[in-house]
Protein backbone atom coordinates (compact mmCIF):
# COMPACT_ATOMS: atom_id res chain seq x y z
CA MET A 1 0.00 0.00 0.00
CA SER A 2 1.59 3.25 -1.07
CA GLY A 3 0.59 6.53 0.44
CA SER A 4 1.40 10.12 -0.30
CA PHE A 5 4.55 9.93 1.81
CA GLY A 6 6.47 7.71 -0.59
CA ASP A 7 7.98 4.27 -0.38
CA PRO A 8 10.37 3.73 2.55
CA SER A 9 12.31 1.02 0.69
CA VAL A 10 12.95 3.38 -2.24
CA PHE A 11 14.01 6.08 0.22
CA LEU A 12 16.48 3.72 1.94
CA VAL A 13 17.95 2.54 -1.37
CA ARG A 14 18.38 6.13 -2.49
CA VAL A 15 20.02 7.16 0.79
CA LEU A 16 22.43 4.22 0.75
CA PHE A 17 23.52 4.70 -2.86
CA GLU A 18 23.78 8.49 -2.48
CA LEU A 19 25.85 8.11 0.68
CA VAL A 20 28.36 5.89 -1.12
CA ALA A 21 28.40 8.27 -4.10
CA PHE A 22 28.79 11.24 -1.71
CA VAL A 23 31.92 9.68 -0.20
CA ALA A 24 33.34 8.85 -3.65
CA PHE A 25 32.75 12.38 -4.92
CA ALA A 26 34.19 13.85 -1.70
CA ARG A 27 37.32 11.77 -2.30
CA TYR A 28 37.51 13.06 -5.87
CA PHE A 29 37.18 16.71 -4.82
CA LEU A 30 39.57 16.36 -1.89
CA GLN A 31 42.26 15.26 -4.34
CA LEU A 32 41.28 17.86 -6.93
CA PHE A 33 41.38 20.67 -4.37
CA ARG A 34 44.65 19.41 -2.81
CA ALA A 35 43.13 18.92 0.62
CA ASN A 36 45.17 18.21 3.71
CA PHE A 37 45.41 14.40 3.65
CA TYR A 38 46.81 14.43 7.21
CA ASN A 39 43.39 15.52 8.49
CA PRO A 40 41.78 12.61 10.40
CA VAL A 41 38.43 13.07 8.62
CA THR A 42 40.11 13.01 5.22
CA GLN A 43 42.15 9.97 6.28
CA ALA A 44 38.91 8.20 7.23
CA ILE A 45 37.48 8.87 3.77
CA VAL A 46 40.70 7.57 2.21
CA LYS A 47 40.55 4.38 4.31
CA ILE A 48 36.89 3.84 3.44
CA THR A 49 37.39 4.34 -0.29
CA ASP A 50 40.81 2.76 -0.88
CA PRO A 51 39.58 -0.87 -0.97
CA VAL A 52 37.36 -0.03 -3.94
CA LEU A 53 39.41 2.68 -5.64
CA ASN A 54 42.86 1.06 -5.56
CA PRO A 55 41.82 -1.88 -7.78
CA LEU A 56 39.92 0.52 -10.06
CA ARG A 57 43.04 2.67 -10.45
CA THR A 58 44.80 -0.22 -12.16
CA VAL A 59 42.28 0.22 -14.98
CA ILE A 60 41.25 3.86 -14.62
CA LYS A 61 44.42 5.90 -14.17
CA PRO A 62 44.45 9.33 -12.51
CA VAL A 63 45.00 12.29 -14.80
CA GLY A 64 46.90 14.96 -12.92
CA ARG A 65 44.90 15.82 -9.82
CA HIS A 66 41.80 14.12 -11.23
CA ASP A 67 41.16 10.80 -9.48
CA LEU A 68 39.05 9.39 -12.29
CA ALA A 69 38.50 6.11 -10.44
CA ALA A 70 36.67 7.98 -7.65
CA LEU A 71 34.67 9.96 -10.18
CA VAL A 72 33.69 6.87 -12.19
CA PHE A 73 32.83 4.93 -9.04
CA GLY A 74 30.55 7.75 -7.86
CA VAL A 75 28.79 7.92 -11.23
CA VAL A 76 28.37 4.13 -11.31
CA MET A 77 26.78 4.24 -7.84
CA VAL A 78 24.34 6.89 -9.06
CA ALA A 79 23.53 4.84 -12.19
CA LEU A 80 22.90 1.76 -10.05
CA MET A 81 20.67 3.84 -7.79
CA VAL A 82 18.62 5.09 -10.77
CA TRP A 83 18.30 1.56 -12.14
CA ALA A 84 17.39 0.07 -8.72
CA ILE A 85 14.77 2.69 -7.95
CA THR A 86 13.12 2.41 -11.35
CA ALA A 87 13.12 -1.38 -11.04
CA MET A 88 11.62 -1.18 -7.53
CA GLN A 89 8.88 1.12 -8.78
CA GLY A 90 8.16 -1.09 -11.78
CA VAL A 91 8.93 1.70 -14.20
CA GLY A 92 10.38 0.60 -17.51
CA MET A 93 13.28 2.83 -18.55
CA THR A 94 15.23 2.89 -21.76
CA GLY A 95 19.00 3.21 -21.82
CA THR A 96 18.53 6.88 -22.66
CA GLY A 97 16.26 7.33 -19.64
CA VAL A 98 18.78 5.70 -17.33
CA PHE A 99 21.53 7.87 -18.84
CA ILE A 100 19.56 11.10 -18.37
CA GLY A 101 18.56 10.03 -14.85
CA THR A 102 22.20 9.26 -14.06
CA VAL A 103 23.39 12.63 -15.36
CA TYR A 104 20.68 14.43 -13.39
CA PHE A 105 21.18 12.56 -10.13
CA THR A 106 24.98 12.80 -10.43
CA PHE A 107 24.59 16.55 -10.77
CA LEU A 108 22.22 16.59 -7.79
CA THR A 109 24.56 14.49 -5.66
CA VAL A 110 27.60 16.65 -6.41
CA THR A 111 25.74 19.92 -5.86
CA ASN A 112 24.15 18.54 -2.68
CA LEU A 113 27.64 17.60 -1.47
CA PHE A 114 28.68 21.23 -1.81
CA PHE A 115 25.37 22.56 -0.48
CA TRP A 116 25.68 20.59 2.75
CA THR A 117 29.39 21.18 3.25
CA VAL A 118 29.02 24.94 2.69
CA LEU A 119 26.03 25.04 5.05
CA LEU A 120 27.80 23.03 7.74
CA ARG A 121 30.91 25.16 7.41
CA ALA A 122 28.85 28.34 7.79
CA VAL A 123 27.13 27.00 10.90
CA ALA A 124 30.49 25.90 12.35
CA SER A 125 31.90 29.39 11.78
CA TRP A 126 29.00 30.88 13.72
CA LEU A 127 29.72 28.52 16.59
CA GLY A 128 33.38 29.52 16.60
CA ASN A 129 34.75 26.00 16.29
CA ASP A 130 37.18 26.59 13.41
CA ARG A 131 40.01 24.42 14.73
CA SER A 132 38.45 20.96 14.71
CA PRO A 133 39.42 18.37 12.06
CA GLY A 134 35.80 18.28 10.88
CA VAL A 135 35.74 22.01 10.18
CA ALA A 136 39.16 21.80 8.48
CA PHE A 137 37.76 19.01 6.29
CA LEU A 138 34.76 21.19 5.40
CA ALA A 139 37.13 24.09 4.64
CA ASP A 140 39.16 21.88 2.29
CA LEU A 141 36.00 21.08 0.34
CA THR A 142 34.31 24.48 0.43
CA ASP A 143 37.07 27.09 0.15
CA PRO A 144 37.76 26.46 -3.56
CA VAL A 145 34.03 26.97 -4.24
CA VAL A 146 33.36 29.88 -1.87
CA ASP A 147 36.59 31.88 -2.35
CA PRO A 148 35.78 33.09 -5.91
CA ILE A 149 32.42 34.38 -4.67
CA ARG A 150 34.11 35.91 -1.61
CA ARG A 151 36.40 37.94 -3.90
CA VAL A 152 33.34 39.39 -5.66
CA LEU A 153 31.17 39.73 -2.54
CA PRO A 154 33.35 40.92 0.35
CA PRO A 155 32.08 40.73 3.95
CA ILE A 156 29.54 43.38 4.85
CA GLY A 157 29.83 44.68 8.41
CA GLY A 158 31.92 41.65 9.36
CA ILE A 159 29.35 39.20 7.99
CA ASP A 160 30.48 36.91 5.18
CA LEU A 161 27.58 36.50 2.77
CA SER A 162 29.52 34.42 0.23
CA PRO A 163 28.32 31.06 1.65
CA LEU A 164 24.73 32.25 1.31
CA ALA A 165 25.42 33.31 -2.29
CA VAL A 166 26.91 29.87 -3.05
CA LEU A 167 23.88 28.14 -1.53
CA LEU A 168 21.56 30.26 -3.68
CA ILE A 169 23.62 29.58 -6.81
CA ILE A 170 23.49 25.83 -6.11
CA GLN A 171 19.71 25.91 -5.62
CA VAL A 172 19.15 27.87 -8.85
CA ALA A 173 21.52 25.59 -10.77
CA GLN A 174 19.65 22.52 -9.51
CA MET A 175 16.35 24.02 -10.66
CA VAL A 176 17.68 25.00 -14.09
CA VAL A 177 19.39 21.65 -14.74
CA GLY A 178 16.35 19.77 -13.39
CA ASN A 179 14.06 21.65 -15.75
CA LEU A 180 16.39 21.05 -18.71
CA LEU A 181 16.97 17.34 -18.11
CA MET A 182 13.74 16.21 -16.50
CA GLY A 183 11.28 18.69 -18.00
């Protein structure tokens, strides 16, 4: 019996696949942004992802700072999520449908990664806990995204509005891409 609140099994499948993809994409961006790999949070992500990524790297070689194995693994997790959810809902999808769904949900997962890390970093800055490994991890992921906006939008009265601007840009981008791909 399905109600207006959705299917809990579909929700759990989506959360599990997105969590794995989130970690894979975080690993990709940590390498791309040259994060501090001595940070305990970053080391935990490395230890979690290495058993899958090291064998993949024998086939999918890194290109410069781009850890393509992490990127491909994240996209594959999203594709499996799209396929699993459509199968669970009994919806027949063509290869093109799965491809478009994968592109859309990969975009959503990556932008949600940045949305949540920017939001958490902003909240942590309000609490004044800028020295913890967790906040340093968030800084490693968010600074390369927020700093260009910060250069254009300097703090006003000691308040940094650049994280808010990034959050708005992410939301608008999600709407635009969603309308283009899924509309």
